[in-house]
Amino acid sequence: MTIRVLIADDQLMVREGFSVLLGAQSDIEVVGEAADGREAVGQVASLRPDVVLMDIRMPGMNGLEATRRIVQERPDDDGARVLILTTFDLDEYVFEALRAGASGFLLKDASARQLADAVRVVAAGEALLAPTVTKRLLAEFTRLGAPRAPRMDRIEVLTERETEVLALIAQGLSNGEIATRLMVTEATVKTHVSRILVKLGLRDRTQAAVFAYEIGLVTPGG
């Protein structure tokens, strides 16, 4: 199955560079490019890509608002997923982009292999939460102030094991790492993750991680 990608960045050189790198992959096809957020939203509707590489800082409609619109218009678990591109791992908009529904985050200086792998991960419905992003989430919640006590009433629908898995997702662990930690199969972890998303009405692992911090299930440094 070929992964259809749309590249949204206001710099032509960046768009062309990523297009060449991704075009060299046998399982990835760049179906379009956009110079700003408004153009990206329009092209998502017409081209129906699987993944949108989205720059944050663009003139007119920025990547944050474009991400929010794309995610809102995405039917359930189908449609385009947004992979955020930025020059700095402490970009002030990264946290808000994740809250808006972005499925991952990638630095623009990533290697060709990292870029292609990131597209594959996001296209598969997984979240791309690199350690730098997890640190960003922790720093942001430290600044804003996490709940003084966990809001466990928000996760009453989850089983004890599902709650445990949710906490590990928020710490940035992959399915394989969670399986090792809990001494279960990776398939079992995938089942737990799917049930967590359905029960809590969440889109993906990234939103699940943000949710876990927001309710105080996981706290900075804990």
Protein backbone atom coordinates (compact mmCIF):
# COMPACT_ATOMS: atom_id res chain seq x y z
CA MET A 1 0.00 0.00 0.00
CA THR A 2 1.41 3.40 -1.00
CA ILE A 3 1.33 6.18 1.60
CA ARG A 4 0.08 9.45 0.10
CA VAL A 5 1.83 12.53 1.51
CA LEU A 6 1.12 16.27 1.31
CA ILE A 7 3.95 18.67 2.23
CA ALA A 8 2.95 22.04 3.72
CA ASP A 9 5.77 24.55 4.19
CA ASP A 10 6.20 28.17 3.11
CA GLN A 11 9.78 27.54 1.95
CA LEU A 12 10.00 26.12 -1.56
CA MET A 13 13.44 24.62 -0.92
CA VAL A 14 12.13 22.68 2.08
CA ARG A 15 9.15 21.36 0.13
CA GLU A 16 11.29 20.29 -2.79
CA GLY A 17 13.89 18.69 -0.52
CA PHE A 18 11.36 16.61 1.39
CA SER A 19 9.61 15.72 -1.85
CA VAL A 20 12.84 14.30 -3.30
CA LEU A 21 13.68 12.39 -0.12
CA LEU A 22 10.22 10.85 0.21
CA GLY A 23 9.85 10.26 -3.51
CA ALA A 24 12.83 7.91 -3.34
CA GLN A 25 10.83 5.56 -1.10
CA SER A 26 8.97 2.77 -2.89
CA ASP A 27 6.03 2.88 -0.49
CA ILE A 28 5.58 6.68 -0.29
CA GLU A 29 4.14 9.07 -2.88
CA VAL A 30 4.14 12.87 -2.55
CA VAL A 31 0.76 13.87 -4.00
CA GLY A 32 0.93 17.61 -3.41
CA GLU A 33 2.57 20.66 -1.84
CA ALA A 34 1.14 23.69 -0.03
CA ALA A 35 2.75 27.05 0.79
CA ASP A 36 0.45 27.93 3.71
CA GLY A 37 -2.15 26.49 6.03
CA ARG A 38 -5.19 27.51 4.02
CA GLU A 39 -3.80 25.86 0.91
CA ALA A 40 -2.98 22.74 2.93
CA VAL A 41 -6.56 22.44 4.21
CA GLY A 42 -7.90 22.78 0.67
CA GLN A 43 -5.50 20.22 -0.74
CA VAL A 44 -6.29 17.72 1.99
CA ALA A 45 -9.94 17.89 0.92
CA SER A 46 -9.15 17.41 -2.77
CA LEU A 47 -6.12 15.11 -2.71
CA ARG A 48 -7.02 13.03 0.38
CA PRO A 49 -3.45 12.31 1.55
CA ASP A 50 -2.72 9.84 4.33
CA VAL A 51 -0.15 12.08 6.00
CA VAL A 52 0.42 15.85 6.00
CA LEU A 53 3.91 17.13 6.80
CA MET A 54 2.94 20.43 8.40
CA ASP A 55 5.20 23.38 9.13
CA ILE A 56 3.96 25.50 12.04
CA ARG A 57 5.15 28.98 11.15
CA MET A 58 3.58 29.96 7.83
CA PRO A 59 2.04 33.24 6.61
CA GLY A 60 -1.72 33.62 6.59
CA MET A 61 -3.19 30.53 8.22
CA ASN A 62 -0.43 28.92 10.28
CA GLY A 63 0.12 25.20 10.72
CA LEU A 64 -1.62 25.14 14.09
CA GLU A 65 -4.96 26.34 12.76
CA ALA A 66 -4.58 24.18 9.65
CA THR A 67 -3.94 21.13 11.82
CA ARG A 68 -7.02 21.87 13.91
CA ARG A 69 -9.23 22.14 10.82
CA ILE A 70 -7.84 19.02 9.17
CA VAL A 71 -8.33 16.94 12.30
CA GLN A 72 -11.85 18.27 12.91
CA GLU A 73 -12.88 17.39 9.38
CA ARG A 74 -11.32 13.94 9.54
CA PRO A 75 -14.02 11.27 9.88
CA ASP A 76 -13.30 9.19 12.97
CA ASP A 77 -10.08 7.19 12.49
CA ASP A 78 -9.93 7.74 8.74
CA GLY A 79 -8.36 10.50 6.70
CA ALA A 80 -5.20 12.58 6.86
CA ARG A 81 -2.92 12.54 9.89
CA VAL A 82 -0.68 15.49 10.64
CA LEU A 83 3.05 15.23 11.29
CA ILE A 84 4.40 18.52 12.62
CA LEU A 85 7.64 19.92 11.17
CA THR A 86 9.70 22.52 13.00
CA THR A 87 13.23 23.83 13.18
CA PHE A 88 13.47 23.79 16.96
CA ASP A 89 12.34 21.10 19.39
CA LEU A 90 11.15 23.84 21.78
CA ASP A 91 8.94 25.57 19.24
CA GLU A 92 6.33 27.47 21.25
CA TYR A 93 3.53 26.00 19.15
CA VAL A 94 4.44 22.32 19.38
CA PHE A 95 2.38 21.67 22.49
CA GLU A 96 -0.70 23.39 21.08
CA ALA A 97 -0.30 21.50 17.80
CA LEU A 98 -0.36 18.21 19.68
CA ARG A 99 -3.45 19.30 21.57
CA ALA A 100 -5.03 20.30 18.26
CA GLY A 101 -4.73 16.69 17.15
CA ALA A 102 -1.36 16.35 15.43
CA SER A 103 -0.11 12.76 15.46
CA GLY A 104 3.56 13.52 15.79
CA PHE A 105 6.47 15.88 15.70
CA LEU A 106 9.68 15.92 13.65
CA LEU A 107 12.65 18.27 13.41
CA LYS A 108 13.45 19.59 9.94
CA ASP A 109 17.04 18.39 10.24
CA ALA A 110 15.90 14.77 10.48
CA SER A 111 17.66 12.30 8.20
CA ALA A 112 15.97 10.85 5.12
CA ARG A 113 15.48 7.57 6.98
CA GLN A 114 13.98 9.29 10.04
CA LEU A 115 11.63 11.26 7.81
CA ALA A 116 10.41 8.20 5.93
CA ASP A 117 10.05 6.16 9.12
CA ALA A 118 8.09 8.98 10.77
CA VAL A 119 5.66 9.09 7.83
CA ARG A 120 5.17 5.31 8.06
CA VAL A 121 4.58 5.42 11.83
CA VAL A 122 1.97 8.18 11.59
CA ALA A 123 0.28 6.61 8.56
CA ALA A 124 -0.12 3.39 10.55
CA GLY A 125 -2.12 5.28 13.17
CA GLU A 126 0.65 5.40 15.75
CA ALA A 127 1.89 8.53 17.49
CA LEU A 128 5.39 9.82 16.96
CA LEU A 129 6.38 10.99 20.43
CA ALA A 130 10.12 11.45 20.45
CA PRO A 131 11.87 12.00 23.81
CA THR A 132 12.20 15.72 23.04
CA VAL A 133 8.43 15.96 22.62
CA THR A 134 7.78 14.13 25.88
CA LYS A 135 10.13 16.57 27.61
CA ARG A 136 8.25 19.44 25.98
CA LEU A 137 4.96 18.11 27.33
CA LEU A 138 6.44 17.78 30.81
CA ALA A 139 7.87 21.29 30.70
CA GLU A 140 4.58 22.75 29.52
CA PHE A 141 2.54 21.03 32.21
CA THR A 142 5.07 22.14 34.81
CA ARG A 143 4.61 25.72 33.62
CA LEU A 144 0.83 25.54 33.51
CA GLY A 145 0.50 23.53 36.68
CA ALA A 146 -0.85 19.99 36.70
CA PRO A 147 -3.97 19.07 38.73
CA ARG A 148 -3.26 18.86 42.44
CA ALA A 149 -4.94 15.49 42.61
CA PRO A 150 -5.61 12.98 39.81
CA ARG A 151 -9.06 13.30 38.23
CA MET A 152 -9.67 9.56 38.32
CA ASP A 153 -13.36 10.12 37.63
CA ARG A 154 -12.35 10.88 34.04
CA ILE A 155 -11.11 7.32 33.53
CA GLU A 156 -13.63 5.26 35.47
CA VAL A 157 -14.52 3.43 32.25
CA LEU A 158 -11.01 1.98 32.04
CA THR A 159 -9.86 -1.25 33.66
CA GLU A 160 -6.88 -1.20 36.00
CA ARG A 161 -4.60 -2.58 33.26
CA GLU A 162 -5.90 -0.07 30.70
CA THR A 163 -5.17 2.75 33.15
CA GLU A 164 -1.65 1.41 33.55
CA VAL A 165 -1.16 1.29 29.79
CA LEU A 166 -2.46 4.85 29.43
CA ALA A 167 0.12 6.06 31.96
CA LEU A 168 2.91 4.34 30.05
CA ILE A 169 1.73 5.83 26.76
CA ALA A 170 1.98 9.26 28.38
CA GLN A 171 5.59 8.51 29.31
CA GLY A 172 6.38 8.02 25.63
CA LEU A 173 6.75 4.23 25.63
CA SER A 174 6.09 2.30 22.43
CA ASN A 175 3.85 -0.77 22.29
CA GLY A 176 6.92 -2.99 22.38
CA GLU A 177 8.34 -1.21 25.42
CA ILE A 178 5.00 -1.37 27.22
CA ALA A 179 4.75 -5.09 26.45
CA THR A 180 8.20 -5.64 27.96
CA ARG A 181 7.36 -3.56 31.03
CA LEU A 182 4.09 -5.40 31.68
CA MET A 183 5.37 -8.80 30.52
CA VAL A 184 2.60 -9.29 27.97
CA THR A 185 2.57 -9.63 24.18
CA GLU A 186 2.67 -6.62 21.91
CA ALA A 187 -0.65 -7.74 20.42
CA THR A 188 -2.21 -7.54 23.88
CA VAL A 189 -0.89 -3.99 24.30
CA LYS A 190 -2.35 -2.98 20.92
CA THR A 191 -5.72 -4.30 22.06
CA HIS A 192 -5.51 -2.29 25.29
CA VAL A 193 -4.55 0.87 23.39
CA SER A 194 -7.46 0.47 20.97
CA ARG A 195 -9.93 0.01 23.83
CA ILE A 196 -8.53 3.05 25.66
CA LEU A 197 -8.99 5.27 22.62
CA VAL A 198 -12.54 4.03 22.03
CA LYS A 199 -13.64 4.30 25.67
CA LEU A 200 -12.23 7.80 26.12
CA GLY A 201 -13.20 9.05 22.66
CA LEU A 202 -9.63 9.91 21.75
CA ARG A 203 -8.12 10.02 18.25
CA ASP A 204 -4.69 8.52 18.82
CA ARG A 205 -1.82 7.91 21.23
CA THR A 206 -0.70 11.53 21.17
CA GLN A 207 -4.09 12.75 22.33
CA ALA A 208 -4.11 9.97 24.93
CA ALA A 209 -0.76 11.20 26.29
CA VAL A 210 -1.99 14.77 26.53
CA PHE A 211 -5.21 13.58 28.21
CA ALA A 212 -3.23 11.60 30.82
CA TYR A 213 -1.26 14.70 31.80
CA GLU A 214 -4.33 16.93 31.80
CA ILE A 215 -6.22 14.77 34.28
CA GLY A 216 -3.16 14.26 36.49
CA LEU A 217 -2.74 10.53 35.88
CA VAL A 218 0.87 11.28 35.03
CA THR A 219 2.61 14.31 36.49
CA PRO A 220 5.90 16.06 35.69
CA GLY A 221 8.72 14.13 37.32
CA GLY A 222 6.37 11.36 38.45
